[in-house]
Amino acid sequence: MKSRRQSIRPKRRTNPWKRAAWIGGFLVASLAVLVVAQSRDNARKMEHSADQVVYTCPMHPEVVSDKPGACPQCGMALEAKATPRAPVEAGPGSP
């Protein structure tokens, strides 16, 4: 049996602004996680694309291909050339 004190106790209501603040904080935190994940994914893609091998003609450096073959201007075999990797700058606190 319930005591008299428990039966007259009003229901606890949450402040709607407090609930909105929690939901907003959750959304901001979720967005931050997604942005960080996306930037890391883009950094990995850029790192892999920097290591690609391209093929160029020794006589016509403007001829560039992603696969081996012959130069369309002179017919010479295209030579493999690694694309230069961008230098990585050290962040603050790095030696």
PDB file of N, CA and C in Angstrom:
ATOM      1  N   MET A   1       0.832  -1.172   0.000  1.00  0.00           N
ATOM      2  CA  MET A   1       0.000   0.000   0.000  1.00  0.00           C
ATOM      3  C   MET A   1       0.881   1.242   0.000  1.00  0.00           C
ATOM      4  N   LYS A   2       0.527   2.218  -0.821  1.00  0.00           N
ATOM      5  CA  LYS A   2       1.293   3.450  -0.912  1.00  0.00           C
ATOM      6  C   LYS A   2       1.022   4.319   0.308  1.00  0.00           C
ATOM      7  N   SER A   3       2.060   4.969   0.698  1.00  0.00           N
ATOM      8  CA  SER A   3       1.852   5.900   1.805  1.00  0.00           C
ATOM      9  C   SER A   3       1.197   7.160   1.272  1.00  0.00           C
ATOM     10  N   ARG A   4       0.663   7.904   2.154  1.00  0.00           N
ATOM     11  CA  ARG A   4      -0.055   9.114   1.780  1.00  0.00           C
ATOM     12  C   ARG A   4       0.888  10.131   1.134  1.00  0.00           C
ATOM     13  N   ARG A   5       2.119  10.180   1.583  1.00  0.00           N
ATOM     14  CA  ARG A   5       3.090  11.149   1.078  1.00  0.00           C
ATOM     15  C   ARG A   5       3.418  10.882  -0.397  1.00  0.00           C
ATOM     16  N   GLN A   6       3.554   9.652  -0.782  1.00  0.00           N
ATOM     17  CA  GLN A   6       3.875   9.317  -2.163  1.00  0.00           C
ATOM     18  C   GLN A   6       2.706   9.580  -3.109  1.00  0.00           C
ATOM     19  N   SER A   7       1.540   9.440  -2.651  1.00  0.00           N
ATOM     20  CA  SER A   7       0.388   9.616  -3.526  1.00  0.00           C
ATOM     21  C   SER A   7       0.128  11.071  -3.864  1.00  0.00           C
ATOM     22  N   ILE A   8       0.479  12.019  -2.974  1.00  0.00           N
ATOM     23  CA  ILE A   8       0.237  13.427  -3.268  1.00  0.00           C
ATOM     24  C   ILE A   8       1.440  14.102  -3.926  1.00  0.00           C
ATOM     25  N   ARG A   9       2.481  13.381  -4.095  1.00  0.00           N
ATOM     26  CA  ARG A   9       3.672  13.966  -4.697  1.00  0.00           C
ATOM     27  C   ARG A   9       3.401  14.264  -6.170  1.00  0.00           C
ATOM     28  N   PRO A  10       3.651  15.507  -6.609  1.00  0.00           N
ATOM     29  CA  PRO A  10       3.387  15.827  -8.023  1.00  0.00           C
ATOM     30  C   PRO A  10       4.407  15.140  -8.933  1.00  0.00           C
ATOM     31  N   LYS A  11       4.003  14.902 -10.165  1.00  0.00           N
ATOM     32  CA  LYS A  11       4.903  14.310 -11.150  1.00  0.00           C
ATOM     33  C   LYS A  11       6.040  15.278 -11.431  1.00  0.00           C
ATOM     34  N   ARG A  12       7.225  14.730 -11.597  1.00  0.00           N
ATOM     35  CA  ARG A  12       8.387  15.567 -11.892  1.00  0.00           C
ATOM     36  C   ARG A  12       8.394  15.885 -13.387  1.00  0.00           C
ATOM     37  N   ARG A  13       8.455  17.134 -13.698  1.00  0.00           N
ATOM     38  CA  ARG A  13       8.490  17.553 -15.104  1.00  0.00           C
ATOM     39  C   ARG A  13       9.860  18.142 -15.405  1.00  0.00           C
ATOM     40  N   THR A  14      10.367  17.774 -16.567  1.00  0.00           N
ATOM     41  CA  THR A  14      11.671  18.313 -16.944  1.00  0.00           C
ATOM     42  C   THR A  14      11.474  19.638 -17.667  1.00  0.00           C
ATOM     43  N   ASN A  15      12.434  20.473 -17.497  1.00  0.00           N
ATOM     44  CA  ASN A  15      12.412  21.774 -18.154  1.00  0.00           C
ATOM     45  C   ASN A  15      12.615  21.550 -19.656  1.00  0.00           C
ATOM     46  N   PRO A  16      11.740  22.084 -20.518  1.00  0.00           N
ATOM     47  CA  PRO A  16      11.902  21.851 -21.972  1.00  0.00           C
ATOM     48  C   PRO A  16      13.197  22.450 -22.511  1.00  0.00           C
ATOM     49  N   TRP A  17      13.690  23.518 -21.921  1.00  0.00           N
ATOM     50  CA  TRP A  17      14.947  24.116 -22.385  1.00  0.00           C
ATOM     51  C   TRP A  17      16.124  23.217 -22.036  1.00  0.00           C
ATOM     52  N   LYS A  18      16.032  22.566 -20.901  1.00  0.00           N
ATOM     53  CA  LYS A  18      17.091  21.649 -20.507  1.00  0.00           C
ATOM     54  C   LYS A  18      17.145  20.458 -21.467  1.00  0.00           C
ATOM     55  N   ARG A  19      15.991  19.947 -21.817  1.00  0.00           N
ATOM     56  CA  ARG A  19      15.919  18.833 -22.772  1.00  0.00           C
ATOM     57  C   ARG A  19      16.458  19.278 -24.133  1.00  0.00           C
ATOM     58  N   ALA A  20      16.080  20.474 -24.570  1.00  0.00           N
ATOM     59  CA  ALA A  20      16.564  20.985 -25.856  1.00  0.00           C
ATOM     60  C   ALA A  20      18.082  21.165 -25.829  1.00  0.00           C
ATOM     61  N   ALA A  21      18.624  21.603 -24.690  1.00  0.00           N
ATOM     62  CA  ALA A  21      20.073  21.777 -24.573  1.00  0.00           C
ATOM     63  C   ALA A  21      20.786  20.429 -24.686  1.00  0.00           C
ATOM     64  N   TRP A  22      20.236  19.394 -24.067  1.00  0.00           N
ATOM     65  CA  TRP A  22      20.834  18.065 -24.165  1.00  0.00           C
ATOM     66  C   TRP A  22      20.789  17.548 -25.592  1.00  0.00           C
ATOM     67  N   ILE A  23      19.676  17.711 -26.241  1.00  0.00           N
ATOM     68  CA  ILE A  23      19.541  17.246 -27.626  1.00  0.00           C
ATOM     69  C   ILE A  23      20.485  18.024 -28.535  1.00  0.00           C
ATOM     70  N   GLY A  24      20.553  19.337 -28.345  1.00  0.00           N
ATOM     71  CA  GLY A  24      21.463  20.161 -29.150  1.00  0.00           C
ATOM     72  C   GLY A  24      22.917  19.774 -28.928  1.00  0.00           C
ATOM     73  N   GLY A  25      23.284  19.527 -27.681  1.00  0.00           N
ATOM     74  CA  GLY A  25      24.651  19.102 -27.386  1.00  0.00           C
ATOM     75  C   GLY A  25      24.988  17.778 -28.030  1.00  0.00           C
ATOM     76  N   PHE A  26      24.030  16.862 -27.993  1.00  0.00           N
ATOM     77  CA  PHE A  26      24.228  15.569 -28.627  1.00  0.00           C
ATOM     78  C   PHE A  26      24.414  15.733 -30.141  1.00  0.00           C
ATOM     79  N   LEU A  27      23.609  16.574 -30.753  1.00  0.00           N
ATOM     80  CA  LEU A  27      23.723  16.790 -32.199  1.00  0.00           C
ATOM     81  C   LEU A  27      25.052  17.432 -32.566  1.00  0.00           C
ATOM     82  N   VAL A  28      25.502  18.391 -31.768  1.00  0.00           N
ATOM     83  CA  VAL A  28      26.783  19.054 -32.041  1.00  0.00           C
ATOM     84  C   VAL A  28      27.929  18.052 -31.900  1.00  0.00           C
ATOM     85  N   ALA A  29      27.879  17.232 -30.851  1.00  0.00           N
ATOM     86  CA  ALA A  29      28.931  16.229 -30.661  1.00  0.00           C
ATOM     87  C   ALA A  29      28.930  15.215 -31.805  1.00  0.00           C
ATOM     88  N   SER A  30      27.755  14.795 -32.244  1.00  0.00           N
ATOM     89  CA  SER A  30      27.666  13.850 -33.355  1.00  0.00           C
ATOM     90  C   SER A  30      28.227  14.454 -34.635  1.00  0.00           C
ATOM     91  N   LEU A  31      27.911  15.705 -34.877  1.00  0.00           N
ATOM     92  CA  LEU A  31      28.422  16.384 -36.067  1.00  0.00           C
ATOM     93  C   LEU A  31      29.942  16.501 -36.009  1.00  0.00           C
ATOM     94  N   ALA A  32      30.480  16.796 -34.830  1.00  0.00           N
ATOM     95  CA  ALA A  32      31.933  16.901 -34.688  1.00  0.00           C
ATOM     96  C   ALA A  32      32.605  15.567 -34.983  1.00  0.00           C
ATOM     97  N   VAL A  33      32.026  14.476 -34.510  1.00  0.00           N
ATOM     98  CA  VAL A  33      32.592  13.154 -34.780  1.00  0.00           C
ATOM     99  C   VAL A  33      32.564  12.858 -36.272  1.00  0.00           C
ATOM    100  N   LEU A  34      31.474  13.197 -36.937  1.00  0.00           N
ATOM    101  CA  LEU A  34      31.378  12.947 -38.377  1.00  0.00           C
ATOM    102  C   LEU A  34      32.389  13.778 -39.164  1.00  0.00           C
ATOM    103  N   VAL A  35      32.592  15.027 -38.775  1.00  0.00           N
ATOM    104  CA  VAL A  35      33.542  15.893 -39.474  1.00  0.00           C
ATOM    105  C   VAL A  35      34.955  15.359 -39.314  1.00  0.00           C
ATOM    106  N   VAL A  36      35.318  14.940 -38.108  1.00  0.00           N
ATOM    107  CA  VAL A  36      36.662  14.401 -37.875  1.00  0.00           C
ATOM    108  C   VAL A  36      36.858  13.119 -38.677  1.00  0.00           C
ATOM    109  N   ALA A  37      35.869  12.251 -38.685  1.00  0.00           N
ATOM    110  CA  ALA A  37      35.976  10.999 -39.440  1.00  0.00           C
ATOM    111  C   ALA A  37      36.128  11.279 -40.933  1.00  0.00           C
ATOM    112  N   GLN A  38      35.368  12.232 -41.443  1.00  0.00           N
ATOM    113  CA  GLN A  38      35.440  12.571 -42.868  1.00  0.00           C
ATOM    114  C   GLN A  38      36.804  13.159 -43.216  1.00  0.00           C
ATOM    115  N   SER A  39      37.346  14.025 -42.359  1.00  0.00           N
ATOM    116  CA  SER A  39      38.644  14.634 -42.656  1.00  0.00           C
ATOM    117  C   SER A  39      39.753  13.589 -42.628  1.00  0.00           C
ATOM    118  N   ARG A  40      39.658  12.617 -41.710  1.00  0.00           N
ATOM    119  CA  ARG A  40      40.659  11.548 -41.685  1.00  0.00           C
ATOM    120  C   ARG A  40      40.559  10.688 -42.939  1.00  0.00           C
ATOM    121  N   ASP A  41      39.344  10.429 -43.382  1.00  0.00           N
ATOM    122  CA  ASP A  41      39.144   9.636 -44.593  1.00  0.00           C
ATOM    123  C   ASP A  41      39.715  10.369 -45.804  1.00  0.00           C
ATOM    124  N   ASN A  42      39.480  11.676 -45.888  1.00  0.00           N
ATOM    125  CA  ASN A  42      40.019  12.464 -46.999  1.00  0.00           C
ATOM    126  C   ASN A  42      41.538  12.492 -46.954  1.00  0.00           C
ATOM    127  N   ALA A  43      42.119  12.563 -45.755  1.00  0.00           N
ATOM    128  CA  ALA A  43      43.579  12.574 -45.643  1.00  0.00           C
ATOM    129  C   ALA A  43      44.159  11.253 -46.137  1.00  0.00           C
ATOM    130  N   ARG A  44      43.501  10.144 -45.808  1.00  0.00           N
ATOM    131  CA  ARG A  44      43.964   8.837 -46.288  1.00  0.00           C
ATOM    132  C   ARG A  44      43.863   8.742 -47.800  1.00  0.00           C
ATOM    133  N   LYS A  45      42.775   9.265 -48.364  1.00  0.00           N
ATOM    134  CA  LYS A  45      42.612   9.221 -49.821  1.00  0.00           C
ATOM    135  C   LYS A  45      43.687  10.048 -50.507  1.00  0.00           C
ATOM    136  N   MET A  46      43.982  11.211 -49.949  1.00  0.00           N
ATOM    137  CA  MET A  46      45.015  12.060 -50.541  1.00  0.00           C
ATOM    138  C   MET A  46      46.380  11.395 -50.432  1.00  0.00           C
ATOM    139  N   GLU A  47      46.625  10.694 -49.316  1.00  0.00           N
ATOM    140  CA  GLU A  47      47.903  10.019 -49.134  1.00  0.00           C
ATOM    141  C   GLU A  47      48.067   8.913 -50.169  1.00  0.00           C
ATOM    142  N   HIS A  48      47.009   8.155 -50.419  1.00  0.00           N
ATOM    143  CA  HIS A  48      47.089   7.089 -51.405  1.00  0.00           C
ATOM    144  C   HIS A  48      47.200   7.648 -52.821  1.00  0.00           C
ATOM    145  N   SER A  49      46.527   8.735 -53.113  1.00  0.00           N
ATOM    146  CA  SER A  49      46.607   9.306 -54.449  1.00  0.00           C
ATOM    147  C   SER A  49      47.977   9.929 -54.696  1.00  0.00           C
ATOM    148  N   ALA A  50      48.665  10.341 -53.625  1.00  0.00           N
ATOM    149  CA  ALA A  50      49.994  10.927 -53.790  1.00  0.00           C
ATOM    150  C   ALA A  50      51.016   9.861 -54.170  1.00  0.00           C
ATOM    151  N   ASP A  51      50.736   8.596 -53.868  1.00  0.00           N
ATOM    152  CA  ASP A  51      51.664   7.515 -54.170  1.00  0.00           C
ATOM    153  C   ASP A  51      51.398   6.871 -55.526  1.00  0.00           C
ATOM    154  N   GLN A  52      50.498   7.392 -56.319  1.00  0.00           N
ATOM    155  CA  GLN A  52      50.175   6.792 -57.608  1.00  0.00           C
ATOM    156  C   GLN A  52      51.348   6.921 -58.571  1.00  0.00           C
ATOM    157  N   VAL A  53      51.429   5.965 -59.482  1.00  0.00           N
ATOM    158  CA  VAL A  53      52.454   5.991 -60.519  1.00  0.00           C
ATOM    159  C   VAL A  53      51.808   6.494 -61.793  1.00  0.00           C
ATOM    160  N   VAL A  54      52.456   7.443 -62.436  1.00  0.00           N
ATOM    161  CA  VAL A  54      51.993   7.935 -63.730  1.00  0.00           C
ATOM    162  C   VAL A  54      53.071   7.621 -64.760  1.00  0.00           C
ATOM    163  N   TYR A  55      52.668   7.558 -65.997  1.00  0.00           N
ATOM    164  CA  TYR A  55      53.586   7.238 -67.091  1.00  0.00           C
ATOM    165  C   TYR A  55      53.699   8.455 -68.005  1.00  0.00           C
ATOM    166  N   THR A  56      54.952   8.832 -68.309  1.00  0.00           N
ATOM    167  CA  THR A  56      55.193   9.995 -69.164  1.00  0.00           C
ATOM    168  C   THR A  56      56.176   9.624 -70.269  1.00  0.00           C
ATOM    169  N   CYS A  57      56.126  10.410 -71.306  1.00  0.00           N
ATOM    170  CA  CYS A  57      57.056  10.233 -72.418  1.00  0.00           C
ATOM    171  C   CYS A  57      58.353  10.970 -72.077  1.00  0.00           C
ATOM    172  N   PRO A  58      59.521  10.342 -72.291  1.00  0.00           N
ATOM    173  CA  PRO A  58      60.777  11.038 -72.004  1.00  0.00           C
ATOM    174  C   PRO A  58      61.020  12.238 -72.924  1.00  0.00           C
ATOM    175  N   MET A  59      60.440  12.209 -74.127  1.00  0.00           N
ATOM    176  CA  MET A  59      60.627  13.322 -75.056  1.00  0.00           C
ATOM    177  C   MET A  59      59.515  14.376 -74.954  1.00  0.00           C
ATOM    178  N   HIS A  60      58.346  13.962 -74.485  1.00  0.00           N
ATOM    179  CA  HIS A  60      57.196  14.867 -74.379  1.00  0.00           C
ATOM    180  C   HIS A  60      56.623  14.776 -72.958  1.00  0.00           C
ATOM    181  N   PRO A  61      57.156  15.524 -72.009  1.00  0.00           N
ATOM    182  CA  PRO A  61      56.717  15.430 -70.616  1.00  0.00           C
ATOM    183  C   PRO A  61      55.253  15.830 -70.401  1.00  0.00           C
ATOM    184  N   GLU A  62      54.673  16.511 -71.373  1.00  0.00           N
ATOM    185  CA  GLU A  62      53.263  16.903 -71.229  1.00  0.00           C
ATOM    186  C   GLU A  62      52.315  15.727 -71.461  1.00  0.00           C
ATOM    187  N   VAL A  63      52.829  14.625 -72.063  1.00  0.00           N
ATOM    188  CA  VAL A  63      52.032  13.422 -72.266  1.00  0.00           C
ATOM    189  C   VAL A  63      52.072  12.625 -70.966  1.00  0.00           C
ATOM    190  N   VAL A  64      50.906  12.485 -70.332  1.00  0.00           N
ATOM    191  CA  VAL A  64      50.811  11.777 -69.051  1.00  0.00           C
ATOM    192  C   VAL A  64      49.687  10.750 -69.162  1.00  0.00           C
ATOM    193  N   SER A  65      49.952   9.534 -68.658  1.00  0.00           N
ATOM    194  CA  SER A  65      48.966   8.472 -68.686  1.00  0.00           C
ATOM    195  C   SER A  65      48.991   7.733 -67.357  1.00  0.00           C
ATOM    196  N   ASP A  66      47.862   7.110 -67.013  1.00  0.00           N
ATOM    197  CA  ASP A  66      47.815   6.339 -65.776  1.00  0.00           C
ATOM    198  C   ASP A  66      48.172   4.872 -65.999  1.00  0.00           C
ATOM    199  N   LYS A  67      48.431   4.490 -67.246  1.00  0.00           N
ATOM    200  CA  LYS A  67      48.825   3.119 -67.555  1.00  0.00           C
ATOM    201  C   LYS A  67      49.945   3.138 -68.592  1.00  0.00           C
ATOM    202  N   PRO A  68      50.756   2.084 -68.649  1.00  0.00           N
ATOM    203  CA  PRO A  68      51.854   2.061 -69.624  1.00  0.00           C
ATOM    204  C   PRO A  68      51.318   1.969 -71.051  1.00  0.00           C
ATOM    205  N   GLY A  69      52.148   2.417 -71.962  1.00  0.00           N
ATOM    206  CA  GLY A  69      51.754   2.388 -73.365  1.00  0.00           C
ATOM    207  C   GLY A  69      52.782   3.117 -74.203  1.00  0.00           C
ATOM    208  N   ALA A  70      52.337   3.622 -75.350  1.00  0.00           N
ATOM    209  CA  ALA A  70      53.220   4.349 -76.260  1.00  0.00           C
ATOM    210  C   ALA A  70      52.776   5.806 -76.328  1.00  0.00           C
ATOM    211  N   CYS A  71      53.741   6.677 -76.547  1.00  0.00           N
ATOM    212  CA  CYS A  71      53.458   8.112 -76.683  1.00  0.00           C
ATOM    213  C   CYS A  71      52.698   8.325 -77.992  1.00  0.00           C
ATOM    214  N   PRO A  72      51.585   9.058 -77.941  1.00  0.00           N
ATOM    215  CA  PRO A  72      50.829   9.275 -79.178  1.00  0.00           C
ATOM    216  C   PRO A  72      51.539  10.212 -80.154  1.00  0.00           C
ATOM    217  N   GLN A  73      52.538  10.977 -79.698  1.00  0.00           N
ATOM    218  CA  GLN A  73      53.224  11.919 -80.589  1.00  0.00           C
ATOM    219  C   GLN A  73      54.427  11.301 -81.288  1.00  0.00           C
ATOM    220  N   CYS A  74      55.209  10.469 -80.529  1.00  0.00           N
ATOM    221  CA  CYS A  74      56.420   9.933 -81.142  1.00  0.00           C
ATOM    222  C   CYS A  74      56.484   8.412 -81.147  1.00  0.00           C
ATOM    223  N   GLY A  75      55.611   7.746 -80.408  1.00  0.00           N
ATOM    224  CA  GLY A  75      55.587   6.291 -80.392  1.00  0.00           C
ATOM    225  C   GLY A  75      56.530   5.651 -79.391  1.00  0.00           C
ATOM    226  N   MET A  76      57.311   6.429 -78.665  1.00  0.00           N
ATOM    227  CA  MET A  76      58.216   5.861 -77.666  1.00  0.00           C
ATOM    228  C   MET A  76      57.413   5.284 -76.505  1.00  0.00           C
ATOM    229  N   ALA A  77      58.023   4.340 -75.799  1.00  0.00           N
ATOM    230  CA  ALA A  77      57.371   3.735 -74.631  1.00  0.00           C
ATOM    231  C   ALA A  77      57.316   4.756 -73.491  1.00  0.00           C
ATOM    232  N   LEU A  78      56.174   4.786 -72.825  1.00  0.00           N
ATOM    233  CA  LEU A  78      56.031   5.682 -71.689  1.00  0.00           C
ATOM    234  C   LEU A  78      56.772   5.096 -70.492  1.00  0.00           C
ATOM    235  N   GLU A  79      57.430   5.960 -69.730  1.00  0.00           N
ATOM    236  CA  GLU A  79      58.201   5.531 -68.563  1.00  0.00           C
ATOM    237  C   GLU A  79      57.434   5.840 -67.288  1.00  0.00           C
ATOM    238  N   ALA A  80      57.577   4.959 -66.299  1.00  0.00           N
ATOM    239  CA  ALA A  80      56.901   5.144 -65.011  1.00  0.00           C
ATOM    240  C   ALA A  80      57.568   6.277 -64.235  1.00  0.00           C
ATOM    241  N   LYS A  81      56.738   7.070 -63.616  1.00  0.00           N
ATOM    242  CA  LYS A  81      57.243   8.177 -62.810  1.00  0.00           C
ATOM    243  C   LYS A  81      56.305   8.326 -61.613  1.00  0.00           C
ATOM    244  N   ALA A  82      56.846   8.245 -60.421  1.00  0.00           N
ATOM    245  CA  ALA A  82      56.031   8.400 -59.218  1.00  0.00           C
ATOM    246  C   ALA A  82      55.712   9.879 -59.038  1.00  0.00           C
ATOM    247  N   THR A  83      54.483  10.154 -58.681  1.00  0.00           N
ATOM    248  CA  THR A  83      54.128  11.548 -58.429  1.00  0.00           C
ATOM    249  C   THR A  83      54.789  11.991 -57.144  1.00  0.00           C
ATOM    250  N   PRO A  84      55.291  13.214 -57.103  1.00  0.00           N
ATOM    251  CA  PRO A  84      55.967  13.670 -55.889  1.00  0.00           C
ATOM    252  C   PRO A  84      54.991  13.783 -54.729  1.00  0.00           C
ATOM    253  N   ARG A  85      55.431  13.366 -53.595  1.00  0.00           N
ATOM    254  CA  ARG A  85      54.605  13.425 -52.387  1.00  0.00           C
ATOM    255  C   ARG A  85      54.794  14.788 -51.746  1.00  0.00           C
ATOM    256  N   ALA A  86      53.689  15.378 -51.315  1.00  0.00           N
ATOM    257  CA  ALA A  86      53.758  16.687 -50.676  1.00  0.00           C
ATOM    258  C   ALA A  86      54.456  16.547 -49.336  1.00  0.00           C
ATOM    259  N   PRO A  87      55.361  17.486 -48.990  1.00  0.00           N
ATOM    260  CA  PRO A  87      56.026  17.403 -47.696  1.00  0.00           C
ATOM    261  C   PRO A  87      55.042  17.597 -46.556  1.00  0.00           C
ATOM    262  N   VAL A  88      55.242  16.817 -45.512  1.00  0.00           N
ATOM    263  CA  VAL A  88      54.362  16.903 -44.349  1.00  0.00           C
ATOM    264  C   VAL A  88      54.972  17.878 -43.371  1.00  0.00           C
ATOM    265  N   GLU A  89      54.206  18.893 -43.006  1.00  0.00           N
ATOM    266  CA  GLU A  89      54.707  19.887 -42.062  1.00  0.00           C
ATOM    267  C   GLU A  89      54.507  19.381 -40.648  1.00  0.00           C
ATOM    268  N   ALA A  90      55.485  19.652 -39.810  1.00  0.00           N
ATOM    269  CA  ALA A  90      55.383  19.241 -38.417  1.00  0.00           C
ATOM    270  C   ALA A  90      54.435  20.165 -37.682  1.00  0.00           C
ATOM    271  N   GLY A  91      53.632  19.593 -36.831  1.00  0.00           N
ATOM    272  CA  GLY A  91      52.675  20.373 -36.044  1.00  0.00           C
ATOM    273  C   GLY A  91      53.335  20.944 -34.803  1.00  0.00           C
ATOM    274  N   PRO A  92      52.596  21.712 -34.031  1.00  0.00           N
ATOM    275  CA  PRO A  92      53.174  22.274 -32.810  1.00  0.00           C
ATOM    276  C   PRO A  92      53.497  21.153 -31.827  1.00  0.00           C
ATOM    277  N   GLY A  93      54.629  21.267 -31.194  1.00  0.00           N
ATOM    278  CA  GLY A  93      55.048  20.258 -30.229  1.00  0.00           C
ATOM    279  C   GLY A  93      55.836  19.124 -30.857  1.00  0.00           C
ATOM    280  N   SER A  94      56.022  19.147 -32.176  1.00  0.00           N
ATOM    281  CA  SER A  94      56.799  18.119 -32.836  1.00  0.00           C
ATOM    282  C   SER A  94      58.270  18.497 -32.783  1.00  0.00           C
ATOM    283  N   PRO A  95      59.159  17.498 -32.697  1.00  0.00           N
ATOM    284  CA  PRO A  95      60.600  17.824 -32.627  1.00  0.00           C
ATOM    285  C   PRO A  95      61.146  18.362 -33.909  1.00  0.00           C
TER     286      PRO A  95
END
